[in-house]
Amino acid sequence: MANTQNLKPWKAGHSGNPGGRPKKKPITELYQEMLSDEQTVAAIRKAILKNIHGGKSVFVAQLREMTERVEGKVSQPIDAKFGDISELTDEELQNEIQRLMEKLRAAEHAGSKN
């Protein structure tokens, strides 16, 4: 059993992790390091071309992962243009929200297939 005699609770308003969560994940830093090395980039290019010419898509998921971690996810604009919403009835407003949510889901679904 562990000895807990000398343990003290944190003061109110203070954290045991004052620096907070790290800003980047270790895997993101690894990808950035790999992509900053010209030899690694050349090897990745060669592997991509080899697989494209061979009709294989084995690297697609890995490349998407690397890209999203290093550059962030690609934003997908949606059309949300409409007039003054203060003139809409509650039912019309609810229908417009539903339409936009369905459009957003469809765009997300289409993006996950690529």
PDB file of N, CA and C in Angstrom:
ATOM      1  N   MET A   1       0.834  -1.179   0.000  1.00  0.00           N
ATOM      2  CA  MET A   1       0.000   0.000   0.000  1.00  0.00           C
ATOM      3  C   MET A   1       0.880   1.244   0.000  1.00  0.00           C
ATOM      4  N   ALA A   2       0.511   2.257  -0.771  1.00  0.00           N
ATOM      5  CA  ALA A   2       1.308   3.468  -0.897  1.00  0.00           C
ATOM      6  C   ALA A   2       1.180   4.351   0.336  1.00  0.00           C
ATOM      7  N   ASN A   3       2.244   5.042   0.667  1.00  0.00           N
ATOM      8  CA  ASN A   3       2.260   5.968   1.784  1.00  0.00           C
ATOM      9  C   ASN A   3       1.704   7.314   1.320  1.00  0.00           C
ATOM     10  N   THR A   4       0.600   7.776   1.910  1.00  0.00           N
ATOM     11  CA  THR A   4      -0.046   9.022   1.481  1.00  0.00           C
ATOM     12  C   THR A   4       0.026  10.105   2.557  1.00  0.00           C
ATOM     13  N   GLN A   5       0.867   9.939   3.554  1.00  0.00           N
ATOM     14  CA  GLN A   5       0.928  10.880   4.673  1.00  0.00           C
ATOM     15  C   GLN A   5       1.345  12.284   4.247  1.00  0.00           C
ATOM     16  N   ASN A   6       2.301  12.405   3.346  1.00  0.00           N
ATOM     17  CA  ASN A   6       2.832  13.718   2.982  1.00  0.00           C
ATOM     18  C   ASN A   6       2.105  14.380   1.813  1.00  0.00           C
ATOM     19  N   LEU A   7       1.043  13.790   1.340  1.00  0.00           N
ATOM     20  CA  LEU A   7       0.310  14.363   0.211  1.00  0.00           C
ATOM     21  C   LEU A   7      -0.572  15.511   0.678  1.00  0.00           C
ATOM     22  N   LYS A   8      -0.630  16.564  -0.143  1.00  0.00           N
ATOM     23  CA  LYS A   8      -1.462  17.728   0.183  1.00  0.00           C
ATOM     24  C   LYS A   8      -2.369  18.021  -1.009  1.00  0.00           C
ATOM     25  N   PRO A   9      -3.606  18.414  -0.745  1.00  0.00           N
ATOM     26  CA  PRO A   9      -4.492  18.750  -1.869  1.00  0.00           C
ATOM     27  C   PRO A   9      -4.040  20.056  -2.535  1.00  0.00           C
ATOM     28  N   TRP A  10      -4.433  20.228  -3.785  1.00  0.00           N
ATOM     29  CA  TRP A  10      -4.108  21.465  -4.500  1.00  0.00           C
ATOM     30  C   TRP A  10      -4.874  22.613  -3.864  1.00  0.00           C
ATOM     31  N   LYS A  11      -4.275  23.797  -3.907  1.00  0.00           N
ATOM     32  CA  LYS A  11      -4.978  24.984  -3.427  1.00  0.00           C
ATOM     33  C   LYS A  11      -6.137  25.273  -4.379  1.00  0.00           C
ATOM     34  N   ALA A  12      -7.183  25.861  -3.864  1.00  0.00           N
ATOM     35  CA  ALA A  12      -8.344  26.203  -4.685  1.00  0.00           C
ATOM     36  C   ALA A  12      -7.908  27.137  -5.818  1.00  0.00           C
ATOM     37  N   GLY A  13      -8.331  26.828  -7.021  1.00  0.00           N
ATOM     38  CA  GLY A  13      -7.995  27.665  -8.174  1.00  0.00           C
ATOM     39  C   GLY A  13      -6.666  27.326  -8.816  1.00  0.00           C
ATOM     40  N   HIS A  14      -5.942  26.346  -8.291  1.00  0.00           N
ATOM     41  CA  HIS A  14      -4.658  25.950  -8.853  1.00  0.00           C
ATOM     42  C   HIS A  14      -4.774  24.556  -9.460  1.00  0.00           C
ATOM     43  N   SER A  15      -3.903  24.289 -10.394  1.00  0.00           N
ATOM     44  CA  SER A  15      -3.946  23.010 -11.085  1.00  0.00           C
ATOM     45  C   SER A  15      -2.669  22.227 -10.833  1.00  0.00           C
ATOM     46  N   GLY A  16      -2.796  20.927 -10.888  1.00  0.00           N
ATOM     47  CA  GLY A  16      -1.618  20.069 -10.799  1.00  0.00           C
ATOM     48  C   GLY A  16      -0.900  19.981 -12.127  1.00  0.00           C
ATOM     49  N   ASN A  17      -1.485  20.578 -13.143  1.00  0.00           N
ATOM     50  CA  ASN A  17      -0.888  20.582 -14.480  1.00  0.00           C
ATOM     51  C   ASN A  17      -0.958  22.010 -15.028  1.00  0.00           C
ATOM     52  N   PRO A  18      -0.140  22.919 -14.469  1.00  0.00           N
ATOM     53  CA  PRO A  18      -0.257  24.334 -14.841  1.00  0.00           C
ATOM     54  C   PRO A  18       0.025  24.616 -16.315  1.00  0.00           C
ATOM     55  N   GLY A  19       0.796  23.779 -16.967  1.00  0.00           N
ATOM     56  CA  GLY A  19       1.075  23.987 -18.387  1.00  0.00           C
ATOM     57  C   GLY A  19      -0.070  23.541 -19.276  1.00  0.00           C
ATOM     58  N   GLY A  20      -1.003  22.801 -18.712  1.00  0.00           N
ATOM     59  CA  GLY A  20      -2.131  22.293 -19.479  1.00  0.00           C
ATOM     60  C   GLY A  20      -1.721  21.159 -20.394  1.00  0.00           C
ATOM     61  N   ARG A  21      -2.649  20.772 -21.218  1.00  0.00           N
ATOM     62  CA  ARG A  21      -2.409  19.697 -22.176  1.00  0.00           C
ATOM     63  C   ARG A  21      -1.388  20.155 -23.210  1.00  0.00           C
ATOM     64  N   PRO A  22      -0.482  19.288 -23.618  1.00  0.00           N
ATOM     65  CA  PRO A  22       0.480  19.683 -24.655  1.00  0.00           C
ATOM     66  C   PRO A  22      -0.255  20.166 -25.907  1.00  0.00           C
ATOM     67  N   LYS A  23       0.290  21.149 -26.572  1.00  0.00           N
ATOM     68  CA  LYS A  23      -0.353  21.737 -27.741  1.00  0.00           C
ATOM     69  C   LYS A  23      -0.383  20.780 -28.928  1.00  0.00           C
ATOM     70  N   LYS A  24       0.601  19.916 -29.033  1.00  0.00           N
ATOM     71  CA  LYS A  24       0.654  18.957 -30.131  1.00  0.00           C
ATOM     72  C   LYS A  24       0.834  17.567 -29.564  1.00  0.00           C
ATOM     73  N   LYS A  25       0.383  16.621 -30.310  1.00  0.00           N
ATOM     74  CA  LYS A  25       0.536  15.222 -29.936  1.00  0.00           C
ATOM     75  C   LYS A  25       1.883  14.722 -30.461  1.00  0.00           C
ATOM     76  N   PRO A  26       2.483  13.753 -29.776  1.00  0.00           N
ATOM     77  CA  PRO A  26       3.778  13.223 -30.221  1.00  0.00           C
ATOM     78  C   PRO A  26       3.750  12.697 -31.653  1.00  0.00           C
ATOM     79  N   ILE A  27       2.636  12.092 -32.077  1.00  0.00           N
ATOM     80  CA  ILE A  27       2.591  11.554 -33.439  1.00  0.00           C
ATOM     81  C   ILE A  27       2.614  12.690 -34.451  1.00  0.00           C
ATOM     82  N   THR A  28       1.978  13.811 -34.131  1.00  0.00           N
ATOM     83  CA  THR A  28       1.999  14.968 -35.031  1.00  0.00           C
ATOM     84  C   THR A  28       3.422  15.494 -35.169  1.00  0.00           C
ATOM     85  N   GLU A  29       4.131  15.569 -34.061  1.00  0.00           N
ATOM     86  CA  GLU A  29       5.520  16.023 -34.101  1.00  0.00           C
ATOM     87  C   GLU A  29       6.380  15.062 -34.913  1.00  0.00           C
ATOM     88  N   LEU A  30       6.113  13.756 -34.786  1.00  0.00           N
ATOM     89  CA  LEU A  30       6.852  12.762 -35.565  1.00  0.00           C
ATOM     90  C   LEU A  30       6.599  12.968 -37.054  1.00  0.00           C
ATOM     91  N   TYR A  31       5.320  13.152 -37.434  1.00  0.00           N
ATOM     92  CA  TYR A  31       4.994  13.385 -38.844  1.00  0.00           C
ATOM     93  C   TYR A  31       5.675  14.656 -39.355  1.00  0.00           C
ATOM     94  N   GLN A  32       5.648  15.711 -38.558  1.00  0.00           N
ATOM     95  CA  GLN A  32       6.293  16.950 -38.981  1.00  0.00           C
ATOM     96  C   GLN A  32       7.793  16.747 -39.165  1.00  0.00           C
ATOM     97  N   GLU A  33       8.390  16.007 -38.261  1.00  0.00           N
ATOM     98  CA  GLU A  33       9.823  15.716 -38.367  1.00  0.00           C
ATOM     99  C   GLU A  33      10.111  14.909 -39.639  1.00  0.00           C
ATOM    100  N   MET A  34       9.287  13.896 -39.883  1.00  0.00           N
ATOM    101  CA  MET A  34       9.478  13.067 -41.075  1.00  0.00           C
ATOM    102  C   MET A  34       9.333  13.889 -42.353  1.00  0.00           C
ATOM    103  N   LEU A  35       8.339  14.772 -42.375  1.00  0.00           N
ATOM    104  CA  LEU A  35       8.066  15.555 -43.573  1.00  0.00           C
ATOM    105  C   LEU A  35       9.049  16.706 -43.779  1.00  0.00           C
ATOM    106  N   SER A  36       9.855  16.985 -42.778  1.00  0.00           N
ATOM    107  CA  SER A  36      10.868  18.022 -42.947  1.00  0.00           C
ATOM    108  C   SER A  36      12.186  17.436 -43.468  1.00  0.00           C
ATOM    109  N   ASP A  37      12.268  16.112 -43.524  1.00  0.00           N
ATOM    110  CA  ASP A  37      13.464  15.434 -44.024  1.00  0.00           C
ATOM    111  C   ASP A  37      13.295  15.140 -45.517  1.00  0.00           C
ATOM    112  N   GLU A  38      14.164  15.696 -46.341  1.00  0.00           N
ATOM    113  CA  GLU A  38      14.046  15.549 -47.803  1.00  0.00           C
ATOM    114  C   GLU A  38      14.130  14.092 -48.251  1.00  0.00           C
ATOM    115  N   GLN A  39      14.972  13.291 -47.621  1.00  0.00           N
ATOM    116  CA  GLN A  39      15.088  11.879 -48.004  1.00  0.00           C
ATOM    117  C   GLN A  39      13.791  11.130 -47.717  1.00  0.00           C
ATOM    118  N   THR A  40      13.170  11.425 -46.583  1.00  0.00           N
ATOM    119  CA  THR A  40      11.908  10.771 -46.246  1.00  0.00           C
ATOM    120  C   THR A  40      10.816  11.197 -47.218  1.00  0.00           C
ATOM    121  N   VAL A  41      10.761  12.479 -47.542  1.00  0.00           N
ATOM    122  CA  VAL A  41       9.768  12.985 -48.489  1.00  0.00           C
ATOM    123  C   VAL A  41       9.970  12.314 -49.848  1.00  0.00           C
ATOM    124  N   ALA A  42      11.213  12.176 -50.269  1.00  0.00           N
ATOM    125  CA  ALA A  42      11.499  11.519 -51.555  1.00  0.00           C
ATOM    126  C   ALA A  42      11.046  10.055 -51.513  1.00  0.00           C
ATOM    127  N   ALA A  43      11.291   9.377 -50.399  1.00  0.00           N
ATOM    128  CA  ALA A  43      10.871   7.975 -50.268  1.00  0.00           C
ATOM    129  C   ALA A  43       9.345   7.865 -50.275  1.00  0.00           C
ATOM    130  N   ILE A  44       8.669   8.801 -49.628  1.00  0.00           N
ATOM    131  CA  ILE A  44       7.204   8.803 -49.632  1.00  0.00           C
ATOM    132  C   ILE A  44       6.686   9.019 -51.045  1.00  0.00           C
ATOM    133  N   ARG A  45       7.275   9.976 -51.759  1.00  0.00           N
ATOM    134  CA  ARG A  45       6.871  10.230 -53.153  1.00  0.00           C
ATOM    135  C   ARG A  45       7.019   8.968 -54.004  1.00  0.00           C
ATOM    136  N   LYS A  46       8.166   8.314 -53.856  1.00  0.00           N
ATOM    137  CA  LYS A  46       8.448   7.114 -54.640  1.00  0.00           C
ATOM    138  C   LYS A  46       7.436   6.015 -54.322  1.00  0.00           C
ATOM    139  N   ALA A  47       7.128   5.836 -53.037  1.00  0.00           N
ATOM    140  CA  ALA A  47       6.161   4.808 -52.627  1.00  0.00           C
ATOM    141  C   ALA A  47       4.756   5.137 -53.145  1.00  0.00           C
ATOM    142  N   ILE A  48       4.386   6.404 -53.102  1.00  0.00           N
ATOM    143  CA  ILE A  48       3.069   6.810 -53.604  1.00  0.00           C
ATOM    144  C   ILE A  48       2.961   6.509 -55.090  1.00  0.00           C
ATOM    145  N   LEU A  49       3.956   6.944 -55.845  1.00  0.00           N
ATOM    146  CA  LEU A  49       3.924   6.718 -57.292  1.00  0.00           C
ATOM    147  C   LEU A  49       3.911   5.230 -57.623  1.00  0.00           C
ATOM    148  N   LYS A  50       4.699   4.452 -56.910  1.00  0.00           N
ATOM    149  CA  LYS A  50       4.732   3.006 -57.141  1.00  0.00           C
ATOM    150  C   LYS A  50       3.358   2.392 -56.923  1.00  0.00           C
ATOM    151  N   ASN A  51       2.695   2.808 -55.851  1.00  0.00           N
ATOM    152  CA  ASN A  51       1.379   2.260 -55.539  1.00  0.00           C
ATOM    153  C   ASN A  51       0.299   2.767 -56.485  1.00  0.00           C
ATOM    154  N   ILE A  52       0.412   4.009 -56.931  1.00  0.00           N
ATOM    155  CA  ILE A  52      -0.555   4.539 -57.898  1.00  0.00           C
ATOM    156  C   ILE A  52      -0.430   3.784 -59.211  1.00  0.00           C
ATOM    157  N   HIS A  53       0.789   3.611 -59.679  1.00  0.00           N
ATOM    158  CA  HIS A  53       1.010   2.896 -60.931  1.00  0.00           C
ATOM    159  C   HIS A  53       0.622   1.421 -60.815  1.00  0.00           C
ATOM    160  N   GLY A  54       0.710   0.872 -59.612  1.00  0.00           N
ATOM    161  CA  GLY A  54       0.339  -0.519 -59.397  1.00  0.00           C
ATOM    162  C   GLY A  54      -1.145  -0.700 -59.102  1.00  0.00           C
ATOM    163  N   GLY A  55      -1.881   0.395 -59.100  1.00  0.00           N
ATOM    164  CA  GLY A  55      -3.319   0.321 -58.846  1.00  0.00           C
ATOM    165  C   GLY A  55      -3.673   0.071 -57.397  1.00  0.00           C
ATOM    166  N   LYS A  56      -2.749   0.331 -56.487  1.00  0.00           N
ATOM    167  CA  LYS A  56      -3.008   0.103 -55.064  1.00  0.00           C
ATOM    168  C   LYS A  56      -3.269   1.440 -54.367  1.00  0.00           C
ATOM    169  N   SER A  57      -4.105   1.401 -53.369  1.00  0.00           N
ATOM    170  CA  SER A  57      -4.395   2.616 -52.605  1.00  0.00           C
ATOM    171  C   SER A  57      -4.059   2.421 -51.129  1.00  0.00           C
ATOM    172  N   VAL A  58      -3.037   1.646 -50.877  1.00  0.00           N
ATOM    173  CA  VAL A  58      -2.677   1.273 -49.511  1.00  0.00           C
ATOM    174  C   VAL A  58      -2.250   2.483 -48.665  1.00  0.00           C
ATOM    175  N   PHE A  59      -1.669   3.493 -49.275  1.00  0.00           N
ATOM    176  CA  PHE A  59      -1.163   4.638 -48.515  1.00  0.00           C
ATOM    177  C   PHE A  59      -2.189   5.745 -48.306  1.00  0.00           C
ATOM    178  N   VAL A  60      -3.350   5.643 -48.910  1.00  0.00           N
ATOM    179  CA  VAL A  60      -4.328   6.728 -48.855  1.00  0.00           C
ATOM    180  C   VAL A  60      -4.696   7.086 -47.419  1.00  0.00           C
ATOM    181  N   ALA A  61      -5.038   6.099 -46.612  1.00  0.00           N
ATOM    182  CA  ALA A  61      -5.430   6.370 -45.225  1.00  0.00           C
ATOM    183  C   ALA A  61      -4.272   6.969 -44.430  1.00  0.00           C
ATOM    184  N   GLN A  62      -3.077   6.446 -44.629  1.00  0.00           N
ATOM    185  CA  GLN A  62      -1.918   6.971 -43.906  1.00  0.00           C
ATOM    186  C   GLN A  62      -1.598   8.396 -44.324  1.00  0.00           C
ATOM    187  N   LEU A  63      -1.676   8.685 -45.606  1.00  0.00           N
ATOM    188  CA  LEU A  63      -1.412  10.038 -46.082  1.00  0.00           C
ATOM    189  C   LEU A  63      -2.463  11.018 -45.574  1.00  0.00           C
ATOM    190  N   ARG A  64      -3.717  10.595 -45.538  1.00  0.00           N
ATOM    191  CA  ARG A  64      -4.777  11.459 -45.002  1.00  0.00           C
ATOM    192  C   ARG A  64      -4.501  11.752 -43.533  1.00  0.00           C
ATOM    193  N   GLU A  65      -4.122  10.720 -42.785  1.00  0.00           N
ATOM    194  CA  GLU A  65      -3.805  10.885 -41.367  1.00  0.00           C
ATOM    195  C   GLU A  65      -2.671  11.887 -41.176  1.00  0.00           C
ATOM    196  N   MET A  66      -1.605  11.722 -41.934  1.00  0.00           N
ATOM    197  CA  MET A  66      -0.456  12.622 -41.815  1.00  0.00           C
ATOM    198  C   MET A  66      -0.860  14.046 -42.170  1.00  0.00           C
ATOM    199  N   THR A  67      -1.579  14.194 -43.260  1.00  0.00           N
ATOM    200  CA  THR A  67      -1.980  15.524 -43.721  1.00  0.00           C
ATOM    201  C   THR A  67      -2.851  16.220 -42.694  1.00  0.00           C
ATOM    202  N   GLU A  68      -3.851  15.520 -42.172  1.00  0.00           N
ATOM    203  CA  GLU A  68      -4.763  16.143 -41.221  1.00  0.00           C
ATOM    204  C   GLU A  68      -4.076  16.493 -39.914  1.00  0.00           C
ATOM    205  N   ARG A  69      -3.120  15.686 -39.497  1.00  0.00           N
ATOM    206  CA  ARG A  69      -2.398  15.999 -38.261  1.00  0.00           C
ATOM    207  C   ARG A  69      -1.452  17.176 -38.432  1.00  0.00           C
ATOM    208  N   VAL A  70      -0.828  17.275 -39.600  1.00  0.00           N
ATOM    209  CA  VAL A  70       0.154  18.331 -39.818  1.00  0.00           C
ATOM    210  C   VAL A  70      -0.509  19.632 -40.288  1.00  0.00           C
ATOM    211  N   GLU A  71      -1.449  19.530 -41.222  1.00  0.00           N
ATOM    212  CA  GLU A  71      -2.057  20.722 -41.809  1.00  0.00           C
ATOM    213  C   GLU A  71      -3.466  20.990 -41.310  1.00  0.00           C
ATOM    214  N   GLY A  72      -4.094  20.028 -40.655  1.00  0.00           N
ATOM    215  CA  GLY A  72      -5.478  20.180 -40.216  1.00  0.00           C
ATOM    216  C   GLY A  72      -6.426  19.645 -41.274  1.00  0.00           C
ATOM    217  N   LYS A  73      -7.658  19.393 -40.846  1.00  0.00           N
ATOM    218  CA  LYS A  73      -8.648  18.858 -41.778  1.00  0.00           C
ATOM    219  C   LYS A  73      -9.031  19.924 -42.794  1.00  0.00           C
ATOM    220  N   VAL A  74      -9.338  19.467 -43.988  1.00  0.00           N
ATOM    221  CA  VAL A  74      -9.767  20.360 -45.045  1.00  0.00           C
ATOM    222  C   VAL A  74     -11.186  20.812 -44.735  1.00  0.00           C
ATOM    223  N   SER A  75     -11.405  22.120 -44.777  1.00  0.00           N
ATOM    224  CA  SER A  75     -12.754  22.616 -44.515  1.00  0.00           C
ATOM    225  C   SER A  75     -13.611  22.436 -45.757  1.00  0.00           C
ATOM    226  N   GLN A  76     -14.875  22.173 -45.532  1.00  0.00           N
ATOM    227  CA  GLN A  76     -15.812  21.985 -46.624  1.00  0.00           C
ATOM    228  C   GLN A  76     -16.905  23.035 -46.490  1.00  0.00           C
ATOM    229  N   PRO A  77     -16.902  24.035 -47.374  1.00  0.00           N
ATOM    230  CA  PRO A  77     -17.915  25.090 -47.257  1.00  0.00           C
ATOM    231  C   PRO A  77     -19.308  24.540 -47.562  1.00  0.00           C
ATOM    232  N   ILE A  78     -20.287  25.088 -46.876  1.00  0.00           N
ATOM    233  CA  ILE A  78     -21.669  24.728 -47.164  1.00  0.00           C
ATOM    234  C   ILE A  78     -22.437  26.010 -47.470  1.00  0.00           C
ATOM    235  N   ASP A  79     -23.476  25.882 -48.239  1.00  0.00           N
ATOM    236  CA  ASP A  79     -24.300  27.023 -48.601  1.00  0.00           C
ATOM    237  C   ASP A  79     -25.324  27.251 -47.506  1.00  0.00           C
ATOM    238  N   ALA A  80     -25.228  28.372 -46.839  1.00  0.00           N
ATOM    239  CA  ALA A  80     -26.159  28.678 -45.762  1.00  0.00           C
ATOM    240  C   ALA A  80     -26.754  30.068 -45.965  1.00  0.00           C
ATOM    241  N   LYS A  81     -27.059  30.406 -47.193  1.00  0.00           N
ATOM    242  CA  LYS A  81     -27.580  31.735 -47.494  1.00  0.00           C
ATOM    243  C   LYS A  81     -29.099  31.742 -47.411  1.00  0.00           C
ATOM    244  N   PHE A  82     -29.620  32.661 -46.651  1.00  0.00           N
ATOM    245  CA  PHE A  82     -31.049  32.892 -46.617  1.00  0.00           C
ATOM    246  C   PHE A  82     -31.280  34.296 -46.078  1.00  0.00           C
ATOM    247  N   GLY A  83     -32.474  34.783 -46.228  1.00  0.00           N
ATOM    248  CA  GLY A  83     -32.798  36.159 -45.849  1.00  0.00           C
ATOM    249  C   GLY A  83     -32.863  36.364 -44.350  1.00  0.00           C
ATOM    250  N   ASP A  84     -33.593  37.374 -43.973  1.00  0.00           N
ATOM    251  CA  ASP A  84     -33.747  37.761 -42.579  1.00  0.00           C
ATOM    252  C   ASP A  84     -34.520  36.673 -41.829  1.00  0.00           C
ATOM    253  N   ILE A  85     -33.868  36.014 -40.888  1.00  0.00           N
ATOM    254  CA  ILE A  85     -34.521  34.902 -40.185  1.00  0.00           C
ATOM    255  C   ILE A  85     -35.582  35.385 -39.210  1.00  0.00           C
ATOM    256  N   SER A  86     -35.568  36.654 -38.881  1.00  0.00           N
ATOM    257  CA  SER A  86     -36.587  37.158 -37.955  1.00  0.00           C
ATOM    258  C   SER A  86     -37.978  37.122 -38.581  1.00  0.00           C
ATOM    259  N   GLU A  87     -38.022  37.017 -39.911  1.00  0.00           N
ATOM    260  CA  GLU A  87     -39.309  36.957 -40.604  1.00  0.00           C
ATOM    261  C   GLU A  87     -39.825  35.527 -40.766  1.00  0.00           C
ATOM    262  N   LEU A  88     -39.023  34.534 -40.394  1.00  0.00           N
ATOM    263  CA  LEU A  88     -39.438  33.139 -40.528  1.00  0.00           C
ATOM    264  C   LEU A  88     -40.296  32.723 -39.333  1.00  0.00           C
ATOM    265  N   THR A  89     -41.229  31.851 -39.616  1.00  0.00           N
ATOM    266  CA  THR A  89     -41.997  31.264 -38.511  1.00  0.00           C
ATOM    267  C   THR A  89     -41.105  30.242 -37.821  1.00  0.00           C
ATOM    268  N   ASP A  90     -41.515  29.799 -36.648  1.00  0.00           N
ATOM    269  CA  ASP A  90     -40.745  28.779 -35.934  1.00  0.00           C
ATOM    270  C   ASP A  90     -40.612  27.518 -36.778  1.00  0.00           C
ATOM    271  N   GLU A  91     -41.693  27.137 -37.453  1.00  0.00           N
ATOM    272  CA  GLU A  91     -41.667  25.947 -38.292  1.00  0.00           C
ATOM    273  C   GLU A  91     -40.716  26.119 -39.476  1.00  0.00           C
ATOM    274  N   GLU A  92     -40.740  27.285 -40.113  1.00  0.00           N
ATOM    275  CA  GLU A  92     -39.839  27.548 -41.246  1.00  0.00           C
ATOM    276  C   GLU A  92     -38.383  27.545 -40.786  1.00  0.00           C
ATOM    277  N   LEU A  93     -38.142  28.133 -39.634  1.00  0.00           N
ATOM    278  CA  LEU A  93     -36.785  28.163 -39.088  1.00  0.00           C
ATOM    279  C   LEU A  93     -36.304  26.749 -38.773  1.00  0.00           C
ATOM    280  N   GLN A  94     -37.166  25.941 -38.170  1.00  0.00           N
ATOM    281  CA  GLN A  94     -36.808  24.559 -37.861  1.00  0.00           C
ATOM    282  C   GLN A  94     -36.523  23.771 -39.139  1.00  0.00           C
ATOM    283  N   ASN A  95     -37.332  23.983 -40.180  1.00  0.00           N
ATOM    284  CA  ASN A  95     -37.113  23.316 -41.466  1.00  0.00           C
ATOM    285  C   ASN A  95     -35.787  23.735 -42.095  1.00  0.00           C
ATOM    286  N   GLU A  96     -35.442  24.996 -41.991  1.00  0.00           N
ATOM    287  CA  GLU A  96     -34.172  25.485 -42.553  1.00  0.00           C
ATOM    288  C   GLU A  96     -32.991  24.884 -41.802  1.00  0.00           C
ATOM    289  N   ILE A  97     -33.107  24.812 -40.485  1.00  0.00           N
ATOM    290  CA  ILE A  97     -32.041  24.194 -39.681  1.00  0.00           C
ATOM    291  C   ILE A  97     -31.881  22.730 -40.069  1.00  0.00           C
ATOM    292  N   GLN A  98     -32.994  22.019 -40.213  1.00  0.00           N
ATOM    293  CA  GLN A  98     -32.966  20.607 -40.598  1.00  0.00           C
ATOM    294  C   GLN A  98     -32.308  20.438 -41.965  1.00  0.00           C
ATOM    295  N   ARG A  99     -32.671  21.301 -42.924  1.00  0.00           N
ATOM    296  CA  ARG A  99     -32.104  21.226 -44.278  1.00  0.00           C
ATOM    297  C   ARG A  99     -30.586  21.417 -44.236  1.00  0.00           C
ATOM    298  N   LEU A 100     -30.138  22.407 -43.466  1.00  0.00           N
ATOM    299  CA  LEU A 100     -28.696  22.675 -43.380  1.00  0.00           C
ATOM    300  C   LEU A 100     -27.961  21.548 -42.664  1.00  0.00           C
ATOM    301  N   MET A 101     -28.565  20.955 -41.636  1.00  0.00           N
ATOM    302  CA  MET A 101     -27.938  19.835 -40.937  1.00  0.00           C
ATOM    303  C   MET A 101     -27.794  18.636 -41.871  1.00  0.00           C
ATOM    304  N   GLU A 102     -28.812  18.363 -42.678  1.00  0.00           N
ATOM    305  CA  GLU A 102     -28.734  17.259 -43.630  1.00  0.00           C
ATOM    306  C   GLU A 102     -27.649  17.515 -44.673  1.00  0.00           C
ATOM    307  N   LYS A 103     -27.542  18.753 -45.112  1.00  0.00           N
ATOM    308  CA  LYS A 103     -26.517  19.105 -46.096  1.00  0.00           C
ATOM    309  C   LYS A 103     -25.119  18.945 -45.488  1.00  0.00           C
ATOM    310  N   LEU A 104     -24.970  19.349 -44.242  1.00  0.00           N
ATOM    311  CA  LEU A 104     -23.688  19.209 -43.552  1.00  0.00           C
ATOM    312  C   LEU A 104     -23.325  17.739 -43.374  1.00  0.00           C
ATOM    313  N   ARG A 105     -24.301  16.905 -42.969  1.00  0.00           N
ATOM    314  CA  ARG A 105     -24.051  15.470 -42.822  1.00  0.00           C
ATOM    315  C   ARG A 105     -23.639  14.837 -44.144  1.00  0.00           C
ATOM    316  N   ALA A 106     -24.318  15.243 -45.220  1.00  0.00           N
ATOM    317  CA  ALA A 106     -23.991  14.696 -46.540  1.00  0.00           C
ATOM    318  C   ALA A 106     -22.572  15.083 -46.944  1.00  0.00           C
ATOM    319  N   ALA A 107     -22.182  16.329 -46.658  1.00  0.00           N
ATOM    320  CA  ALA A 107     -20.821  16.775 -46.988  1.00  0.00           C
ATOM    321  C   ALA A 107     -19.790  16.027 -46.165  1.00  0.00           C
ATOM    322  N   GLU A 108     -20.071  15.805 -44.874  1.00  0.00           N
ATOM    323  CA  GLU A 108     -19.149  15.051 -44.024  1.00  0.00           C
ATOM    324  C   GLU A 108     -19.035  13.607 -44.499  1.00  0.00           C
ATOM    325  N   HIS A 109     -20.165  13.019 -44.872  1.00  0.00           N
ATOM    326  CA  HIS A 109     -20.177  11.637 -45.355  1.00  0.00           C
ATOM    327  C   HIS A 109     -19.384  11.519 -46.657  1.00  0.00           C
ATOM    328  N   ALA A 110     -19.568  12.476 -47.551  1.00  0.00           N
ATOM    329  CA  ALA A 110     -18.828  12.455 -48.823  1.00  0.00           C
ATOM    330  C   ALA A 110     -17.341  12.621 -48.571  1.00  0.00           C
ATOM    331  N   GLY A 111     -16.965  13.444 -47.588  1.00  0.00           N
ATOM    332  CA  GLY A 111     -15.562  13.654 -47.256  1.00  0.00           C
ATOM    333  C   GLY A 111     -14.925  12.445 -46.635  1.00  0.00           C
ATOM    334  N   SER A 112     -15.699  11.653 -45.891  1.00  0.00           N
ATOM    335  CA  SER A 112     -15.126  10.458 -45.252  1.00  0.00           C
ATOM    336  C   SER A 112     -14.903   9.339 -46.245  1.00  0.00           C
ATOM    337  N   LYS A 113     -15.556   9.378 -47.409  1.00  0.00           N
ATOM    338  CA  LYS A 113     -15.374   8.359 -48.427  1.00  0.00           C
ATOM    339  C   LYS A 113     -14.101   8.592 -49.225  1.00  0.00           C
ATOM    340  N   ASN A 114     -13.616   9.834 -49.266  1.00  0.00           N
ATOM    341  CA  ASN A 114     -12.433  10.167 -50.089  1.00  0.00           C
ATOM    342  C   ASN A 114     -11.158   9.851 -49.370  1.00  0.00           C
TER     343      ASN A 114
END
